[in-house]
N, C-alpha and C. Protein backbone atom coordinates (compact mmCIF):
# COMPACT_ATOMS: atom_id res chain seq x y z
N UNK A 1 104.69 122.90 141.91
CA UNK A 1 105.04 122.99 140.42
C UNK A 1 106.49 122.24 140.47
N UNK A 2 107.40 122.81 141.50
CA UNK A 2 108.62 122.45 141.40
C UNK A 2 108.67 120.61 141.40
N UNK A 3 108.38 120.23 142.40
CA UNK A 3 108.11 118.75 142.01
C UNK A 3 107.89 117.97 140.90
N UNK A 4 106.58 118.59 140.30
CA UNK A 4 106.67 117.84 138.88
C UNK A 4 107.62 118.56 137.67
N UNK A 5 108.13 119.49 138.00
CA UNK A 5 109.61 119.90 137.17
C UNK A 5 110.67 119.00 137.43
N UNK A 6 110.90 118.67 138.72
CA UNK A 6 111.92 117.88 138.64
C UNK A 6 111.71 116.45 138.29
N UNK A 7 110.49 115.84 138.58
CA UNK A 7 110.08 114.59 138.10
C UNK A 7 110.16 114.39 136.43
N UNK A 8 109.66 115.38 135.97
CA UNK A 8 110.00 115.93 134.32
C UNK A 8 110.98 115.96 133.82
N UNK A 9 112.05 116.50 134.77
CA UNK A 9 113.54 116.49 134.36
C UNK A 9 114.14 114.94 134.53
N UNK A 10 113.81 114.13 135.22
CA UNK A 10 114.38 112.90 135.62
C UNK A 10 113.60 112.05 134.91
N UNK A 11 112.66 111.95 134.42
CA UNK A 11 111.78 111.15 133.52
C UNK A 11 112.14 111.23 132.19
N UNK A 12 112.70 112.40 131.84
CA UNK A 12 113.39 112.71 130.25
C UNK A 12 114.77 112.04 130.27
N UNK A 13 115.44 111.71 131.38
CA UNK A 13 116.85 111.19 131.39
C UNK A 13 117.67 112.02 132.02
N UNK A 14 117.34 113.47 132.21
CA UNK A 14 118.76 114.57 132.46
C UNK A 14 118.61 114.20 134.07
N UNK A 15 119.45 115.40 134.59
CA UNK A 15 119.68 115.29 136.06
C UNK A 15 119.77 116.57 136.35
N UNK A 16 119.48 116.96 137.34
CA UNK A 16 119.64 118.77 137.80
C UNK A 16 120.95 118.37 138.62
N UNK A 17 121.99 119.49 138.00
CA UNK A 17 123.10 119.98 138.55
C UNK A 17 123.20 120.94 139.72
N UNK A 18 122.07 121.60 139.64
CA UNK A 18 122.02 123.16 140.52
C UNK A 18 120.92 123.62 140.48
N UNK A 19 120.42 124.56 141.32
CA UNK A 19 119.37 125.56 140.94
C UNK A 19 119.26 126.58 141.86
N UNK A 20 118.86 127.86 141.06
CA UNK A 20 118.54 128.85 142.27
C UNK A 20 117.55 129.48 142.15
N UNK A 21 116.60 129.68 143.27
CA UNK A 21 115.60 130.31 143.29
C UNK A 21 115.53 131.68 143.81
N UNK A 22 114.80 132.63 142.50
CA UNK A 22 115.28 134.23 143.17
C UNK A 22 113.52 134.48 143.31
N UNK A 23 113.33 134.85 144.67
CA UNK A 23 112.09 135.38 145.25
C UNK A 23 110.61 134.23 145.00
N UNK A 24 109.92 134.71 144.42
CA UNK A 24 108.76 133.62 144.36
C UNK A 24 108.39 133.82 142.93
N UNK A 25 109.13 134.05 141.89
CA UNK A 25 108.73 134.46 140.80
C UNK A 25 109.64 133.54 139.62
N UNK A 26 110.99 133.33 140.13
CA UNK A 26 111.79 132.82 139.03
C UNK A 26 112.56 131.58 139.32
N UNK A 27 112.90 130.67 139.10
CA UNK A 27 113.72 129.72 139.32
C UNK A 27 114.46 129.25 137.89
N UNK A 28 115.90 128.92 138.12
CA UNK A 28 116.87 128.66 137.13
C UNK A 28 117.51 127.48 137.76
N UNK A 29 117.25 126.25 136.52
CA UNK A 29 117.49 124.83 137.05
C UNK A 29 118.58 124.47 136.08
N UNK A 30 119.92 124.26 136.76
CA UNK A 30 120.87 123.76 135.64
C UNK A 30 120.89 122.10 135.89
N UNK A 31 120.94 121.86 133.98
CA UNK A 31 120.97 119.94 134.43
C UNK A 31 121.56 119.92 133.29
N UNK A 32 122.21 118.51 132.77
CA UNK A 32 122.53 117.62 132.40
C UNK A 32 121.95 116.73 131.38
N UNK A 33 122.05 116.51 130.14
CA UNK A 33 120.85 115.71 129.54
C UNK A 33 121.98 114.97 128.17
N UNK A 34 121.75 113.82 127.83
CA UNK A 34 122.31 113.11 126.39
C UNK A 34 121.44 113.95 125.58
N UNK A 35 121.92 114.54 124.29
CA UNK A 35 121.09 114.92 123.44
C UNK A 35 120.23 114.22 122.32
N UNK A 36 120.72 112.60 122.63
CA UNK A 36 119.50 111.76 122.15
C UNK A 36 117.93 111.92 123.05
N UNK A 37 117.98 112.45 124.26
CA UNK A 37 116.90 112.29 125.21
C UNK A 37 116.36 113.68 125.03
N UNK A 38 116.50 114.81 123.90
CA UNK A 38 116.01 116.15 123.90
C UNK A 38 114.47 116.15 123.60
N UNK A 39 114.13 115.46 122.79
CA UNK A 39 112.66 115.03 122.23
C UNK A 39 111.86 114.44 123.39
N UNK A 40 112.22 113.98 124.15
CA UNK A 40 111.41 113.35 125.47
C UNK A 40 111.54 114.32 126.46
N UNK A 41 112.69 115.26 126.57
CA UNK A 41 112.81 116.26 127.40
C UNK A 41 111.58 117.11 127.35
N UNK A 42 111.26 117.68 125.98
CA UNK A 42 110.50 118.60 125.87
C UNK A 42 109.03 118.06 125.87
N UNK A 43 108.81 116.85 125.38
CA UNK A 43 107.45 116.34 125.53
C UNK A 43 107.26 116.16 127.23
N UNK A 44 107.99 115.88 127.94
CA UNK A 44 107.67 115.46 129.26
C UNK A 44 107.75 117.04 129.84
N UNK A 45 108.39 117.99 129.46
CA UNK A 45 108.19 119.23 130.40
C UNK A 45 106.69 119.72 129.95
N UNK A 46 106.29 119.73 128.74
CA UNK A 46 105.04 119.99 128.05
C UNK A 46 104.12 119.38 128.74
N UNK A 47 104.22 117.93 129.08
CA UNK A 47 102.94 117.02 129.60
C UNK A 47 102.93 117.17 130.98
N UNK A 48 103.64 117.91 131.74
CA UNK A 48 103.52 118.37 132.97
C UNK A 48 103.01 119.71 133.16
N UNK A 49 102.70 120.57 131.95
CA UNK A 49 102.28 121.89 132.20
C UNK A 49 103.05 123.04 132.00
N UNK A 50 104.01 122.62 131.55
CA UNK A 50 104.86 123.93 131.31
C UNK A 50 104.90 124.44 129.90
N UNK A 51 104.87 125.58 129.34
CA UNK A 51 104.47 126.17 128.07
C UNK A 51 105.98 126.23 127.80
N UNK A 52 106.52 125.95 126.74
CA UNK A 52 107.70 125.98 126.09
C UNK A 52 107.57 127.21 125.05
N UNK A 53 108.53 128.39 124.92
CA UNK A 53 108.33 129.12 123.86
C UNK A 53 108.81 128.44 122.29
N UNK A 54 108.36 128.92 121.49
CA UNK A 54 108.67 128.39 120.53
C UNK A 54 110.24 128.44 120.04
N UNK A 55 111.13 129.38 120.53
CA UNK A 55 112.51 129.77 120.33
C UNK A 55 112.93 128.28 121.24
N UNK A 56 112.72 127.99 122.26
CA UNK A 56 113.46 126.73 123.01
C UNK A 56 112.85 125.77 122.51
N UNK A 57 111.60 125.32 121.97
CA UNK A 57 111.44 124.11 121.40
C UNK A 57 112.27 123.89 120.11
N UNK A 58 112.51 125.13 119.23
CA UNK A 58 113.64 125.00 118.20
C UNK A 58 114.73 124.88 118.56
N UNK A 59 115.06 125.18 119.48
CA UNK A 59 116.64 125.01 120.09
C UNK A 59 116.88 123.80 120.41
N UNK A 60 115.81 122.88 121.45
CA UNK A 60 115.80 121.55 121.22
C UNK A 60 115.80 120.78 120.31
N UNK A 61 114.89 120.92 119.22
CA UNK A 61 114.91 120.14 118.28
C UNK A 61 116.21 120.02 117.35
N UNK A 62 117.14 121.57 117.19
CA UNK A 62 118.37 121.61 116.53
C UNK A 62 119.16 120.34 117.43
N UNK A 63 119.38 120.75 118.65
CA UNK A 63 120.37 120.27 119.24
C UNK A 63 120.45 118.62 119.67
N UNK A 64 118.82 118.41 119.18
CA UNK A 64 118.74 116.74 119.36
C UNK A 64 118.59 116.17 118.04
N UNK A 65 119.06 116.77 116.87
CA UNK A 65 118.95 116.32 115.73
C UNK A 65 119.83 114.90 115.76
N UNK A 66 118.76 113.74 115.34
CA UNK A 66 119.54 112.34 115.41
C UNK A 66 121.09 112.56 114.49
N UNK A 67 121.07 112.95 113.58
CA UNK A 67 122.10 113.07 112.79
C UNK A 67 123.62 113.50 113.52
N UNK A 68 123.27 114.06 114.62
CA UNK A 68 124.66 114.96 115.24
C UNK A 68 124.90 113.43 116.32
N UNK A 69 126.33 113.24 116.52
CA UNK A 69 126.62 112.40 117.74
C UNK A 69 126.22 112.79 119.05
N UNK A 70 125.86 111.77 119.46
CA UNK A 70 125.19 111.87 121.09
C UNK A 70 126.22 111.89 121.69
N UNK A 71 126.16 113.30 122.39
CA UNK A 71 126.82 113.67 123.64
C UNK A 71 125.93 114.05 124.58
N UNK A 72 126.59 114.74 125.70
CA UNK A 72 126.04 115.47 126.67
C UNK A 72 125.92 116.64 126.73
N UNK A 73 124.63 117.14 127.10
CA UNK A 73 124.18 119.01 126.79
C UNK A 73 124.19 119.33 128.40
N UNK A 74 125.01 120.26 128.55
CA UNK A 74 124.81 121.07 129.68
C UNK A 74 123.58 122.46 129.58
N UNK A 75 122.39 122.70 130.46
CA UNK A 75 121.78 123.79 130.01
C UNK A 75 121.11 124.52 131.16
N UNK A 76 120.31 125.23 130.93
CA UNK A 76 119.73 125.90 132.10
C UNK A 76 118.06 126.14 131.53
N UNK A 77 117.29 125.72 132.33
CA UNK A 77 115.95 125.91 132.44
C UNK A 77 115.35 127.02 133.37
N UNK A 78 115.08 127.99 132.71
CA UNK A 78 114.44 129.27 133.13
C UNK A 78 112.97 129.30 133.46
N UNK A 79 112.32 129.27 134.66
CA UNK A 79 110.97 129.35 134.78
C UNK A 79 110.55 130.52 135.59
N UNK A 80 109.72 130.76 134.97
CA UNK A 80 108.77 132.11 135.57
C UNK A 80 107.40 132.41 135.99
N UNK A 81 107.05 132.17 137.19
CA UNK A 81 105.75 131.83 137.64
C UNK A 81 104.99 133.11 137.70
N UNK A 82 103.88 132.94 136.89
CA UNK A 82 103.00 134.19 136.54
C UNK A 82 102.06 134.11 137.94
N UNK A 83 101.82 135.17 138.46
CA UNK A 83 100.72 135.12 139.75
C UNK A 83 99.64 136.32 139.33
N UNK A 84 98.30 135.72 139.46
CA UNK A 84 97.04 136.75 139.30
C UNK A 84 97.04 137.47 140.54
């Protein structure tokens, strides 16, 4: 899964600046991305099988509003692994 996430982040035009793995159930990935790439970021992550919450999708849409000036956005992606 981690390989696919890092590929998705790169394919969306973002870059990973740091990450923290907490046991085998949680990872935080810090990244930077241009606001104009946020739509592609959400689509790419979901295309790799990650389920984004409605709140996350809403925040990405708002931050990626094309009427806003292009700028770099620093953020954290929190991934919770569900084990059966």
